[in-house]
Amino acid sequence: MNYINQYISELLYVIPAVLIVLTIHEFGHAYVAYKMGDTTAKEEGRLSLNPLRHIDPIGLLSLVIFRFGWGKPVPVDFTALRNLRKGMIFVSLAGPLANLITAFLLAPLFNWMNAKPIVLAGFKYFADLARYIIVLSIYLAIFNLIPIPPLDGSKIIFALTKNPLRFLYDDALNYYGIIFLVIIISIPFFRFNYFFSKAVSPIINLIGKIHF
């Protein structure tokens, strides 16, 4: 029962943090795509900081449970970008980079609040929320840079190949990529979440001196 109560209490921080982190991630993709010549996201209402426009229910659930996930992918017409290869790289990096910038900007505020007992007494919820946003931002950024379709890292790799748009018409790439991700995440033998957390923890500690 204590575990359940703790988990429910944690959701009061996780859910808003997830909404913020995913929204910033997807907005980053949409904004850079627009700046590089593709108006698709803007025309479909995705060039927005409204969380409801970016949330994917399954991705939200995954991020709540496993501490990594995804939003509803921003539609990008890569053929409309002024420079295909550079555009693919910049648009793909935009989401993770937006998350890392968020973490860097929030870290000083969190550290300041955490060092002031008087501030914590009145604003503990916001300090804890900032901590969750920082941690989840870093998790989401690093996870999405894994070069496995359909994650952002794979599009960066595609941009450097002879046929950068292959992922657009080869559905098998995304299909097998998703299956592979599900396998390594769900099978306890791989202990994916444990090793991923160990890999990301030094970055979290470096940015915000946060123990999570």
N, C-alpha and C. Protein backbone atom coordinates (compact mmCIF):
# COMPACT_ATOMS: atom_id res chain seq x y z
N MET A 1 0.84 -1.21 0.00
CA MET A 1 0.00 0.00 0.00
C MET A 1 0.87 1.26 0.00
N ASN A 2 1.96 1.23 0.78
CA ASN A 2 2.85 2.38 0.82
C ASN A 2 3.45 2.65 -0.56
N TYR A 3 3.78 1.55 -1.26
CA TYR A 3 4.35 1.71 -2.60
C TYR A 3 3.35 2.36 -3.54
N ILE A 4 2.08 1.92 -3.45
CA ILE A 4 1.03 2.48 -4.31
C ILE A 4 0.83 3.96 -4.00
N ASN A 5 0.78 4.30 -2.73
CA ASN A 5 0.61 5.70 -2.33
C ASN A 5 1.78 6.56 -2.83
N GLN A 6 2.98 6.00 -2.73
CA GLN A 6 4.16 6.72 -3.19
C GLN A 6 4.10 6.93 -4.70
N TYR A 7 3.66 5.88 -5.41
CA TYR A 7 3.59 5.97 -6.87
C TYR A 7 2.55 7.02 -7.30
N ILE A 8 1.40 7.02 -6.62
CA ILE A 8 0.35 7.99 -6.95
C ILE A 8 0.84 9.41 -6.66
N SER A 9 1.53 9.57 -5.53
CA SER A 9 2.07 10.89 -5.19
C SER A 9 3.08 11.35 -6.23
N GLU A 10 3.87 10.40 -6.71
CA GLU A 10 4.90 10.73 -7.70
C GLU A 10 4.28 11.20 -9.01
N LEU A 11 3.10 10.67 -9.33
CA LEU A 11 2.43 11.07 -10.57
C LEU A 11 2.09 12.55 -10.59
N LEU A 12 1.93 13.14 -9.41
CA LEU A 12 1.64 14.57 -9.33
C LEU A 12 2.79 15.40 -9.88
N TYR A 13 3.98 14.80 -9.90
CA TYR A 13 5.14 15.46 -10.48
C TYR A 13 5.41 14.95 -11.89
N VAL A 14 5.28 13.64 -12.07
CA VAL A 14 5.66 13.02 -13.34
C VAL A 14 4.77 13.49 -14.49
N ILE A 15 3.46 13.49 -14.28
CA ILE A 15 2.55 13.83 -15.38
C ILE A 15 2.77 15.25 -15.91
N PRO A 16 2.78 16.29 -15.06
CA PRO A 16 3.05 17.62 -15.61
C PRO A 16 4.44 17.75 -16.21
N ALA A 17 5.43 17.07 -15.59
CA ALA A 17 6.78 17.11 -16.13
C ALA A 17 6.83 16.47 -17.52
N VAL A 18 6.14 15.34 -17.67
CA VAL A 18 6.09 14.65 -18.95
C VAL A 18 5.43 15.54 -20.01
N LEU A 19 4.33 16.18 -19.66
CA LEU A 19 3.63 17.05 -20.60
C LEU A 19 4.54 18.19 -21.07
N ILE A 20 5.28 18.77 -20.15
CA ILE A 20 6.19 19.87 -20.48
C ILE A 20 7.34 19.39 -21.35
N VAL A 21 7.95 18.28 -20.96
CA VAL A 21 9.12 17.76 -21.67
C VAL A 21 8.77 17.33 -23.09
N LEU A 22 7.69 16.59 -23.25
CA LEU A 22 7.29 16.14 -24.58
C LEU A 22 6.89 17.31 -25.48
N THR A 23 6.20 18.28 -24.90
CA THR A 23 5.77 19.44 -25.69
C THR A 23 6.97 20.23 -26.20
N ILE A 24 7.95 20.45 -25.35
CA ILE A 24 9.16 21.17 -25.76
C ILE A 24 9.90 20.39 -26.83
N HIS A 25 9.96 19.07 -26.68
CA HIS A 25 10.65 18.22 -27.66
C HIS A 25 10.02 18.34 -29.05
N GLU A 26 8.71 18.17 -29.11
CA GLU A 26 8.03 18.20 -30.40
C GLU A 26 7.99 19.62 -30.98
N PHE A 27 7.85 20.62 -30.13
CA PHE A 27 7.88 22.00 -30.61
C PHE A 27 9.24 22.31 -31.25
N GLY A 28 10.31 21.77 -30.65
CA GLY A 28 11.64 21.97 -31.21
C GLY A 28 11.73 21.46 -32.63
N HIS A 29 11.20 20.26 -32.87
CA HIS A 29 11.19 19.71 -34.24
C HIS A 29 10.39 20.62 -35.17
N ALA A 30 9.19 21.00 -34.74
CA ALA A 30 8.30 21.80 -35.58
C ALA A 30 8.91 23.16 -35.91
N TYR A 31 9.51 23.80 -34.93
CA TYR A 31 10.06 25.14 -35.12
C TYR A 31 11.22 25.13 -36.11
N VAL A 32 12.14 24.19 -35.95
CA VAL A 32 13.30 24.14 -36.84
C VAL A 32 12.88 23.74 -38.25
N ALA A 33 11.93 22.81 -38.36
CA ALA A 33 11.43 22.43 -39.69
C ALA A 33 10.84 23.65 -40.39
N TYR A 34 10.07 24.44 -39.65
CA TYR A 34 9.46 25.65 -40.22
C TYR A 34 10.53 26.65 -40.66
N LYS A 35 11.54 26.83 -39.83
CA LYS A 35 12.61 27.77 -40.15
C LYS A 35 13.43 27.32 -41.35
N MET A 36 13.43 26.01 -41.60
CA MET A 36 14.23 25.49 -42.71
C MET A 36 13.40 25.24 -43.97
N GLY A 37 12.16 25.74 -43.97
CA GLY A 37 11.39 25.73 -45.21
C GLY A 37 10.16 24.87 -45.25
N ASP A 38 9.92 24.04 -44.24
CA ASP A 38 8.74 23.17 -44.27
C ASP A 38 7.65 23.75 -43.38
N THR A 39 6.50 24.04 -43.97
CA THR A 39 5.38 24.65 -43.23
C THR A 39 4.34 23.63 -42.78
N THR A 40 4.61 22.34 -42.97
CA THR A 40 3.63 21.31 -42.66
C THR A 40 3.17 21.37 -41.20
N ALA A 41 4.12 21.40 -40.28
CA ALA A 41 3.76 21.41 -38.86
C ALA A 41 2.92 22.63 -38.50
N LYS A 42 3.28 23.79 -39.05
CA LYS A 42 2.52 25.00 -38.76
C LYS A 42 1.10 24.89 -39.30
N GLU A 43 0.96 24.37 -40.51
CA GLU A 43 -0.36 24.25 -41.13
C GLU A 43 -1.25 23.27 -40.38
N GLU A 44 -0.65 22.29 -39.71
CA GLU A 44 -1.43 21.31 -38.96
C GLU A 44 -1.54 21.65 -37.48
N GLY A 45 -1.14 22.85 -37.11
CA GLY A 45 -1.29 23.30 -35.74
C GLY A 45 -0.29 22.73 -34.77
N ARG A 46 0.83 22.22 -35.27
CA ARG A 46 1.81 21.59 -34.39
C ARG A 46 2.94 22.54 -33.99
N LEU A 47 2.98 23.74 -34.60
CA LEU A 47 3.96 24.73 -34.18
C LEU A 47 3.39 25.46 -32.98
N SER A 48 3.28 24.71 -31.88
CA SER A 48 2.54 25.18 -30.72
C SER A 48 3.15 24.62 -29.44
N LEU A 49 2.99 25.37 -28.36
CA LEU A 49 3.41 24.89 -27.04
C LEU A 49 2.22 24.37 -26.23
N ASN A 50 1.14 24.10 -26.93
CA ASN A 50 -0.03 23.48 -26.30
C ASN A 50 0.21 21.97 -26.20
N PRO A 51 0.32 21.42 -24.98
CA PRO A 51 0.64 19.98 -24.82
C PRO A 51 -0.35 19.06 -25.53
N LEU A 52 -1.60 19.44 -25.60
CA LEU A 52 -2.63 18.57 -26.20
C LEU A 52 -2.37 18.31 -27.67
N ARG A 53 -1.61 19.17 -28.32
CA ARG A 53 -1.32 19.00 -29.75
C ARG A 53 -0.18 18.02 -30.00
N HIS A 54 0.55 17.66 -28.97
CA HIS A 54 1.76 16.86 -29.15
C HIS A 54 1.76 15.51 -28.43
N ILE A 55 0.80 15.28 -27.56
CA ILE A 55 0.84 14.08 -26.72
C ILE A 55 0.37 12.84 -27.47
N ASP A 56 1.18 11.80 -27.39
CA ASP A 56 0.80 10.47 -27.88
C ASP A 56 0.49 9.63 -26.64
N PRO A 57 -0.72 9.09 -26.52
CA PRO A 57 -1.09 8.36 -25.29
C PRO A 57 -0.12 7.25 -24.91
N ILE A 58 0.32 6.46 -25.89
CA ILE A 58 1.23 5.35 -25.60
C ILE A 58 2.60 5.89 -25.19
N GLY A 59 3.06 6.90 -25.90
CA GLY A 59 4.35 7.50 -25.54
C GLY A 59 4.33 8.13 -24.17
N LEU A 60 3.20 8.76 -23.82
CA LEU A 60 3.06 9.35 -22.49
C LEU A 60 3.10 8.28 -21.41
N LEU A 61 2.38 7.18 -21.65
CA LEU A 61 2.37 6.08 -20.69
C LEU A 61 3.76 5.48 -20.52
N SER A 62 4.49 5.33 -21.63
CA SER A 62 5.84 4.78 -21.58
C SER A 62 6.77 5.68 -20.77
N LEU A 63 6.64 7.00 -20.97
CA LEU A 63 7.51 7.92 -20.26
C LEU A 63 7.19 7.95 -18.78
N VAL A 64 5.91 7.82 -18.43
CA VAL A 64 5.51 7.78 -17.03
C VAL A 64 6.06 6.54 -16.34
N ILE A 65 6.01 5.39 -17.03
CA ILE A 65 6.41 4.12 -16.43
C ILE A 65 7.92 3.89 -16.49
N PHE A 66 8.50 4.11 -17.70
CA PHE A 66 9.90 3.75 -17.92
C PHE A 66 10.86 4.94 -17.87
N ARG A 67 10.28 6.15 -17.76
CA ARG A 67 11.08 7.38 -17.74
C ARG A 67 11.67 7.72 -19.09
N PHE A 68 11.17 7.14 -20.16
CA PHE A 68 11.47 7.59 -21.51
C PHE A 68 10.27 7.25 -22.39
N GLY A 69 10.09 8.04 -23.43
CA GLY A 69 8.93 7.82 -24.28
C GLY A 69 8.97 8.74 -25.48
N TRP A 70 7.82 9.12 -25.99
CA TRP A 70 7.78 9.93 -27.20
C TRP A 70 6.46 10.68 -27.26
N GLY A 71 6.45 11.74 -28.04
CA GLY A 71 5.22 12.47 -28.30
C GLY A 71 4.67 12.06 -29.65
N LYS A 72 3.55 12.63 -30.02
CA LYS A 72 3.00 12.39 -31.35
C LYS A 72 3.94 13.04 -32.35
N PRO A 73 4.52 12.25 -33.25
CA PRO A 73 5.56 12.80 -34.14
C PRO A 73 5.06 14.01 -34.93
N VAL A 74 5.88 15.03 -34.95
CA VAL A 74 5.57 16.22 -35.74
C VAL A 74 5.69 15.88 -37.23
N PRO A 75 4.69 16.19 -38.03
CA PRO A 75 4.78 15.90 -39.47
C PRO A 75 5.81 16.81 -40.13
N VAL A 76 6.75 16.20 -40.82
CA VAL A 76 7.78 16.96 -41.52
C VAL A 76 7.89 16.48 -42.96
N ASP A 77 7.79 17.40 -43.89
CA ASP A 77 8.01 17.08 -45.30
C ASP A 77 9.47 17.40 -45.59
N PHE A 78 10.31 16.38 -45.47
CA PHE A 78 11.75 16.61 -45.63
C PHE A 78 12.10 17.11 -47.03
N THR A 79 11.28 16.76 -48.01
CA THR A 79 11.55 17.23 -49.38
C THR A 79 11.34 18.73 -49.51
N ALA A 80 10.64 19.34 -48.56
CA ALA A 80 10.39 20.79 -48.61
C ALA A 80 11.51 21.59 -47.95
N LEU A 81 12.41 20.92 -47.27
CA LEU A 81 13.51 21.61 -46.60
C LEU A 81 14.47 22.19 -47.64
N ARG A 82 15.01 23.35 -47.34
CA ARG A 82 15.88 24.03 -48.30
C ARG A 82 17.15 23.24 -48.57
N ASN A 83 17.64 22.57 -47.57
CA ASN A 83 18.82 21.71 -47.73
C ASN A 83 18.48 20.37 -47.08
N LEU A 84 18.32 19.33 -47.90
CA LEU A 84 17.81 18.05 -47.41
C LEU A 84 18.66 17.47 -46.29
N ARG A 85 19.94 17.24 -46.54
CA ARG A 85 20.78 16.56 -45.55
C ARG A 85 20.96 17.40 -44.29
N LYS A 86 21.29 18.67 -44.48
CA LYS A 86 21.45 19.55 -43.32
C LYS A 86 20.13 19.69 -42.58
N GLY A 87 19.03 19.81 -43.34
CA GLY A 87 17.72 19.95 -42.73
C GLY A 87 17.34 18.74 -41.90
N MET A 88 17.59 17.54 -42.43
CA MET A 88 17.28 16.32 -41.69
C MET A 88 18.03 16.27 -40.37
N ILE A 89 19.30 16.65 -40.41
CA ILE A 89 20.12 16.61 -39.20
C ILE A 89 19.63 17.64 -38.19
N PHE A 90 19.40 18.86 -38.66
CA PHE A 90 18.98 19.93 -37.75
C PHE A 90 17.61 19.67 -37.14
N VAL A 91 16.66 19.24 -38.00
CA VAL A 91 15.31 18.97 -37.50
C VAL A 91 15.33 17.81 -36.51
N SER A 92 16.11 16.78 -36.81
CA SER A 92 16.17 15.62 -35.92
C SER A 92 16.83 15.95 -34.59
N LEU A 93 17.84 16.82 -34.63
CA LEU A 93 18.53 17.22 -33.41
C LEU A 93 17.73 18.22 -32.58
N ALA A 94 16.79 18.90 -33.23
CA ALA A 94 16.09 20.01 -32.56
C ALA A 94 15.34 19.57 -31.32
N GLY A 95 14.64 18.43 -31.37
CA GLY A 95 13.89 17.95 -30.22
C GLY A 95 14.79 17.65 -29.03
N PRO A 96 15.79 16.76 -29.21
CA PRO A 96 16.70 16.48 -28.10
C PRO A 96 17.44 17.72 -27.60
N LEU A 97 17.84 18.58 -28.53
CA LEU A 97 18.57 19.79 -28.12
C LEU A 97 17.67 20.72 -27.30
N ALA A 98 16.40 20.82 -27.69
CA ALA A 98 15.46 21.64 -26.92
C ALA A 98 15.32 21.11 -25.50
N ASN A 99 15.32 19.79 -25.35
CA ASN A 99 15.24 19.19 -24.01
C ASN A 99 16.49 19.47 -23.20
N LEU A 100 17.65 19.36 -23.82
CA LEU A 100 18.90 19.61 -23.10
C LEU A 100 19.01 21.08 -22.69
N ILE A 101 18.57 21.99 -23.56
CA ILE A 101 18.58 23.41 -23.22
C ILE A 101 17.67 23.66 -22.02
N THR A 102 16.51 23.01 -22.02
CA THR A 102 15.58 23.13 -20.90
C THR A 102 16.25 22.70 -19.60
N ALA A 103 16.95 21.57 -19.65
CA ALA A 103 17.63 21.06 -18.45
C ALA A 103 18.70 22.03 -17.97
N PHE A 104 19.48 22.57 -18.91
CA PHE A 104 20.54 23.51 -18.54
C PHE A 104 19.97 24.79 -17.94
N LEU A 105 18.85 25.26 -18.47
CA LEU A 105 18.26 26.50 -17.97
C LEU A 105 17.62 26.32 -16.60
N LEU A 106 17.04 25.15 -16.36
CA LEU A 106 16.36 24.90 -15.09
C LEU A 106 17.32 24.52 -13.97
N ALA A 107 18.47 23.94 -14.33
CA ALA A 107 19.40 23.45 -13.31
C ALA A 107 19.83 24.53 -12.31
N PRO A 108 20.23 25.72 -12.77
CA PRO A 108 20.63 26.75 -11.78
C PRO A 108 19.48 27.14 -10.85
N LEU A 109 18.27 27.22 -11.40
CA LEU A 109 17.11 27.56 -10.57
C LEU A 109 16.86 26.48 -9.53
N PHE A 110 16.94 25.22 -9.97
CA PHE A 110 16.72 24.12 -9.03
C PHE A 110 17.79 24.13 -7.94
N ASN A 111 19.04 24.30 -8.32
CA ASN A 111 20.12 24.29 -7.34
C ASN A 111 19.97 25.44 -6.34
N TRP A 112 19.53 26.61 -6.84
CA TRP A 112 19.31 27.76 -5.95
C TRP A 112 18.19 27.48 -4.97
N MET A 113 17.07 26.96 -5.48
CA MET A 113 15.93 26.65 -4.61
C MET A 113 16.30 25.58 -3.60
N ASN A 114 17.04 24.58 -4.04
CA ASN A 114 17.40 23.45 -3.18
C ASN A 114 18.36 23.87 -2.07
N ALA A 115 19.09 24.97 -2.30
CA ALA A 115 20.06 25.44 -1.31
C ALA A 115 19.45 26.43 -0.32
N LYS A 116 18.19 26.78 -0.52
CA LYS A 116 17.53 27.76 0.34
C LYS A 116 16.37 27.10 1.09
N PRO A 117 16.58 26.70 2.34
CA PRO A 117 15.51 26.05 3.11
C PRO A 117 14.23 26.87 3.18
N ILE A 118 14.37 28.18 3.26
CA ILE A 118 13.19 29.04 3.34
C ILE A 118 12.39 28.95 2.05
N VAL A 119 13.08 28.95 0.93
CA VAL A 119 12.42 28.84 -0.37
C VAL A 119 11.75 27.49 -0.51
N LEU A 120 12.46 26.43 -0.11
CA LEU A 120 11.90 25.09 -0.20
C LEU A 120 10.64 24.93 0.64
N ALA A 121 10.61 25.62 1.75
CA ALA A 121 9.46 25.50 2.64
C ALA A 121 8.18 25.97 1.96
N GLY A 122 8.30 26.99 1.12
CA GLY A 122 7.11 27.50 0.45
C GLY A 122 6.91 27.01 -0.98
N PHE A 123 8.00 26.54 -1.60
CA PHE A 123 7.92 26.17 -3.02
C PHE A 123 8.50 24.79 -3.30
N LYS A 124 8.35 23.89 -2.33
CA LYS A 124 8.94 22.55 -2.49
C LYS A 124 8.39 21.82 -3.72
N TYR A 125 7.08 21.96 -3.95
CA TYR A 125 6.50 21.27 -5.11
C TYR A 125 7.17 21.72 -6.40
N PHE A 126 7.39 23.02 -6.55
CA PHE A 126 7.98 23.55 -7.77
C PHE A 126 9.45 23.14 -7.91
N ALA A 127 10.14 23.04 -6.79
CA ALA A 127 11.53 22.58 -6.83
C ALA A 127 11.59 21.12 -7.27
N ASP A 128 10.71 20.30 -6.70
CA ASP A 128 10.66 18.89 -7.10
C ASP A 128 10.22 18.74 -8.55
N LEU A 129 9.27 19.57 -8.98
CA LEU A 129 8.82 19.52 -10.37
C LEU A 129 9.97 19.88 -11.31
N ALA A 130 10.75 20.89 -10.94
CA ALA A 130 11.91 21.27 -11.75
C ALA A 130 12.89 20.10 -11.85
N ARG A 131 13.06 19.39 -10.75
CA ARG A 131 13.96 18.23 -10.75
C ARG A 131 13.48 17.16 -11.74
N TYR A 132 12.18 16.89 -11.72
CA TYR A 132 11.63 15.90 -12.65
C TYR A 132 11.78 16.36 -14.09
N ILE A 133 11.55 17.63 -14.34
CA ILE A 133 11.66 18.15 -15.71
C ILE A 133 13.09 18.02 -16.21
N ILE A 134 14.05 18.34 -15.35
CA ILE A 134 15.46 18.24 -15.74
C ILE A 134 15.83 16.80 -16.07
N VAL A 135 15.49 15.89 -15.17
CA VAL A 135 15.84 14.48 -15.35
C VAL A 135 15.16 13.90 -16.59
N LEU A 136 13.86 14.12 -16.72
CA LEU A 136 13.14 13.56 -17.86
C LEU A 136 13.58 14.19 -19.17
N SER A 137 13.95 15.46 -19.15
CA SER A 137 14.45 16.13 -20.36
C SER A 137 15.72 15.44 -20.85
N ILE A 138 16.61 15.15 -19.93
CA ILE A 138 17.87 14.50 -20.31
C ILE A 138 17.61 13.07 -20.78
N TYR A 139 16.75 12.36 -20.06
CA TYR A 139 16.42 11.00 -20.47
C TYR A 139 15.86 10.97 -21.88
N LEU A 140 14.89 11.86 -22.15
CA LEU A 140 14.23 11.86 -23.45
C LEU A 140 15.21 12.25 -24.56
N ALA A 141 16.06 13.22 -24.28
CA ALA A 141 17.04 13.66 -25.28
C ALA A 141 17.99 12.54 -25.66
N ILE A 142 18.58 11.91 -24.66
CA ILE A 142 19.57 10.85 -24.92
C ILE A 142 18.91 9.64 -25.57
N PHE A 143 17.74 9.25 -25.07
CA PHE A 143 17.06 8.09 -25.62
C PHE A 143 16.74 8.30 -27.09
N ASN A 144 16.27 9.49 -27.45
CA ASN A 144 15.89 9.74 -28.84
C ASN A 144 17.08 9.84 -29.77
N LEU A 145 18.27 9.97 -29.24
CA LEU A 145 19.46 10.01 -30.09
C LEU A 145 20.01 8.62 -30.39
N ILE A 146 19.40 7.59 -29.82
CA ILE A 146 19.79 6.22 -30.17
C ILE A 146 19.49 6.01 -31.66
N PRO A 147 20.44 5.55 -32.45
CA PRO A 147 20.25 5.45 -33.91
C PRO A 147 19.45 4.23 -34.36
N ILE A 148 18.25 4.08 -33.81
CA ILE A 148 17.35 3.00 -34.19
C ILE A 148 16.03 3.61 -34.67
N PRO A 149 15.56 3.24 -35.88
CA PRO A 149 14.27 3.78 -36.35
C PRO A 149 13.17 3.43 -35.37
N PRO A 150 12.20 4.30 -35.14
CA PRO A 150 12.03 5.63 -35.78
C PRO A 150 12.56 6.78 -34.93
N LEU A 151 13.52 6.53 -34.04
CA LEU A 151 14.05 7.57 -33.16
C LEU A 151 14.83 8.61 -33.96
N ASP A 152 15.00 9.79 -33.36
CA ASP A 152 15.66 10.90 -34.06
C ASP A 152 17.07 10.55 -34.50
N GLY A 153 17.77 9.78 -33.70
CA GLY A 153 19.14 9.42 -34.03
C GLY A 153 19.26 8.69 -35.35
N SER A 154 18.24 7.89 -35.69
CA SER A 154 18.29 7.14 -36.94
C SER A 154 18.20 8.07 -38.15
N LYS A 155 17.44 9.15 -38.03
CA LYS A 155 17.29 10.09 -39.15
C LYS A 155 18.59 10.85 -39.39
N ILE A 156 19.34 11.08 -38.32
CA ILE A 156 20.65 11.71 -38.48
C ILE A 156 21.58 10.79 -39.27
N ILE A 157 21.51 9.50 -38.96
CA ILE A 157 22.32 8.52 -39.70
C ILE A 157 21.88 8.46 -41.15
N PHE A 158 20.54 8.42 -41.39
CA PHE A 158 20.03 8.39 -42.76
C PHE A 158 20.51 9.60 -43.56
N ALA A 159 20.58 10.76 -42.92
CA ALA A 159 20.98 11.98 -43.61
C ALA A 159 22.39 11.89 -44.16
N LEU A 160 23.19 11.01 -43.59
CA LEU A 160 24.59 10.88 -44.01
C LEU A 160 24.79 9.77 -45.04
N THR A 161 23.71 9.06 -45.39
CA THR A 161 23.82 7.97 -46.35
C THR A 161 23.55 8.45 -47.77
N LYS A 162 23.72 7.54 -48.74
CA LYS A 162 23.49 7.89 -50.13
C LYS A 162 22.02 8.17 -50.42
N ASN A 163 21.15 7.50 -49.67
CA ASN A 163 19.70 7.67 -49.87
C ASN A 163 19.07 8.14 -48.56
N PRO A 164 19.15 9.44 -48.26
CA PRO A 164 18.71 9.93 -46.95
C PRO A 164 17.21 9.79 -46.69
N LEU A 165 16.40 9.66 -47.73
CA LEU A 165 14.95 9.58 -47.54
C LEU A 165 14.43 8.15 -47.54
N ARG A 166 15.33 7.19 -47.40
CA ARG A 166 14.90 5.79 -47.45
C ARG A 166 13.85 5.47 -46.40
N PHE A 167 13.99 6.06 -45.22
CA PHE A 167 13.05 5.73 -44.13
C PHE A 167 11.62 6.15 -44.45
N LEU A 168 11.43 7.06 -45.41
CA LEU A 168 10.10 7.53 -45.74
C LEU A 168 9.27 6.48 -46.46
N TYR A 169 9.93 5.65 -47.29
CA TYR A 169 9.16 4.68 -48.07
C TYR A 169 9.47 3.23 -47.71
N ASP A 170 10.34 3.03 -46.73
CA ASP A 170 10.63 1.67 -46.29
C ASP A 170 10.04 1.48 -44.89
N ASP A 171 8.76 1.10 -44.85
CA ASP A 171 8.08 0.94 -43.55
C ASP A 171 8.71 -0.14 -42.69
N ALA A 172 9.38 -1.09 -43.32
CA ALA A 172 9.99 -2.19 -42.56
C ALA A 172 11.04 -1.68 -41.58
N LEU A 173 11.73 -0.59 -41.95
CA LEU A 173 12.76 -0.04 -41.07
C LEU A 173 12.16 0.39 -39.73
N ASN A 174 11.08 1.15 -39.78
CA ASN A 174 10.42 1.59 -38.56
C ASN A 174 9.79 0.41 -37.82
N TYR A 175 9.21 -0.51 -38.58
CA TYR A 175 8.53 -1.67 -37.99
C TYR A 175 9.52 -2.51 -37.19
N TYR A 176 10.63 -2.88 -37.81
CA TYR A 176 11.62 -3.71 -37.11
C TYR A 176 12.32 -2.92 -36.00
N GLY A 177 12.48 -1.62 -36.21
CA GLY A 177 13.10 -0.79 -35.18
C GLY A 177 12.26 -0.76 -33.92
N ILE A 178 10.95 -0.61 -34.08
CA ILE A 178 10.05 -0.58 -32.93
C ILE A 178 10.06 -1.92 -32.21
N ILE A 179 10.04 -3.02 -32.97
CA ILE A 179 10.08 -4.36 -32.37
C ILE A 179 11.35 -4.53 -31.55
N PHE A 180 12.48 -4.09 -32.10
CA PHE A 180 13.75 -4.22 -31.41
C PHE A 180 13.75 -3.41 -30.12
N LEU A 181 13.21 -2.18 -30.17
CA LEU A 181 13.15 -1.35 -28.99
C LEU A 181 12.28 -1.98 -27.91
N VAL A 182 11.14 -2.53 -28.32
CA VAL A 182 10.24 -3.18 -27.36
C VAL A 182 10.93 -4.36 -26.69
N ILE A 183 11.68 -5.12 -27.46
CA ILE A 183 12.38 -6.30 -26.93
C ILE A 183 13.41 -5.89 -25.88
N ILE A 184 14.27 -4.94 -26.22
CA ILE A 184 15.35 -4.60 -25.29
C ILE A 184 14.82 -3.87 -24.06
N ILE A 185 13.66 -3.20 -24.20
CA ILE A 185 13.09 -2.49 -23.06
C ILE A 185 12.33 -3.43 -22.14
N SER A 186 11.63 -4.41 -22.73
CA SER A 186 10.70 -5.21 -21.93
C SER A 186 11.31 -6.49 -21.34
N ILE A 187 12.35 -7.03 -21.92
CA ILE A 187 12.92 -8.28 -21.41
C ILE A 187 13.86 -7.98 -20.23
N PRO A 188 13.55 -8.48 -19.05
CA PRO A 188 14.37 -8.19 -17.86
C PRO A 188 15.84 -8.55 -18.02
N PHE A 189 16.11 -9.58 -18.84
CA PHE A 189 17.49 -10.03 -18.98
C PHE A 189 18.40 -8.89 -19.43
N PHE A 190 17.88 -8.02 -20.29
CA PHE A 190 18.70 -6.95 -20.83
C PHE A 190 18.87 -5.80 -19.82
N ARG A 191 17.93 -5.72 -18.86
CA ARG A 191 17.99 -4.68 -17.83
C ARG A 191 18.25 -3.32 -18.47
N PHE A 192 17.50 -3.04 -19.54
CA PHE A 192 17.73 -1.82 -20.33
C PHE A 192 17.60 -0.57 -19.49
N ASN A 193 16.53 -0.49 -18.71
CA ASN A 193 16.31 0.73 -17.93
C ASN A 193 17.43 0.96 -16.92
N TYR A 194 17.95 -0.14 -16.34
CA TYR A 194 19.04 -0.02 -15.37
C TYR A 194 20.29 0.55 -16.02
N PHE A 195 20.70 -0.06 -17.14
CA PHE A 195 21.92 0.38 -17.80
C PHE A 195 21.77 1.76 -18.42
N PHE A 196 20.57 2.04 -18.95
CA PHE A 196 20.33 3.36 -19.52
C PHE A 196 20.41 4.43 -18.44
N SER A 197 19.84 4.14 -17.27
CA SER A 197 19.89 5.08 -16.15
C SER A 197 21.33 5.32 -15.72
N LYS A 198 22.13 4.24 -15.67
CA LYS A 198 23.53 4.37 -15.29
C LYS A 198 24.30 5.23 -16.29
N ALA A 199 23.95 5.10 -17.56
CA ALA A 199 24.65 5.86 -18.59
C ALA A 199 24.29 7.34 -18.54
N VAL A 200 23.03 7.62 -18.20
CA VAL A 200 22.54 9.00 -18.21
C VAL A 200 22.83 9.73 -16.91
N SER A 201 22.92 9.00 -15.81
CA SER A 201 23.09 9.62 -14.48
C SER A 201 24.27 10.60 -14.41
N PRO A 202 25.45 10.27 -14.98
CA PRO A 202 26.56 11.24 -14.91
C PRO A 202 26.22 12.58 -15.56
N ILE A 203 25.43 12.53 -16.64
CA ILE A 203 25.04 13.78 -17.31
C ILE A 203 24.11 14.57 -16.42
N ILE A 204 23.16 13.88 -15.78
CA ILE A 204 22.23 14.54 -14.87
C ILE A 204 22.99 15.20 -13.71
N ASN A 205 23.92 14.46 -13.14
CA ASN A 205 24.67 14.97 -12.01
C ASN A 205 25.56 16.15 -12.42
N LEU A 206 26.10 16.08 -13.65
CA LEU A 206 26.95 17.15 -14.14
C LEU A 206 26.16 18.44 -14.34
N ILE A 207 24.95 18.32 -14.89
CA ILE A 207 24.15 19.50 -15.18
C ILE A 207 23.53 20.10 -13.93
N GLY A 208 22.91 19.24 -13.12
CA GLY A 208 22.17 19.80 -12.00
C GLY A 208 22.53 19.30 -10.63
N LYS A 209 23.54 18.44 -10.53
CA LYS A 209 23.90 17.85 -9.24
C LYS A 209 22.66 17.22 -8.59
N ILE A 210 21.92 16.47 -9.42
CA ILE A 210 20.66 15.90 -8.97
C ILE A 210 20.81 14.40 -8.81
N HIS A 211 20.36 13.89 -7.71
CA HIS A 211 20.33 12.45 -7.49
C HIS A 211 18.89 11.99 -7.57
N PHE A 212 18.63 11.08 -8.52
CA PHE A 212 17.23 10.71 -8.81
C PHE A 212 17.02 9.23 -8.59
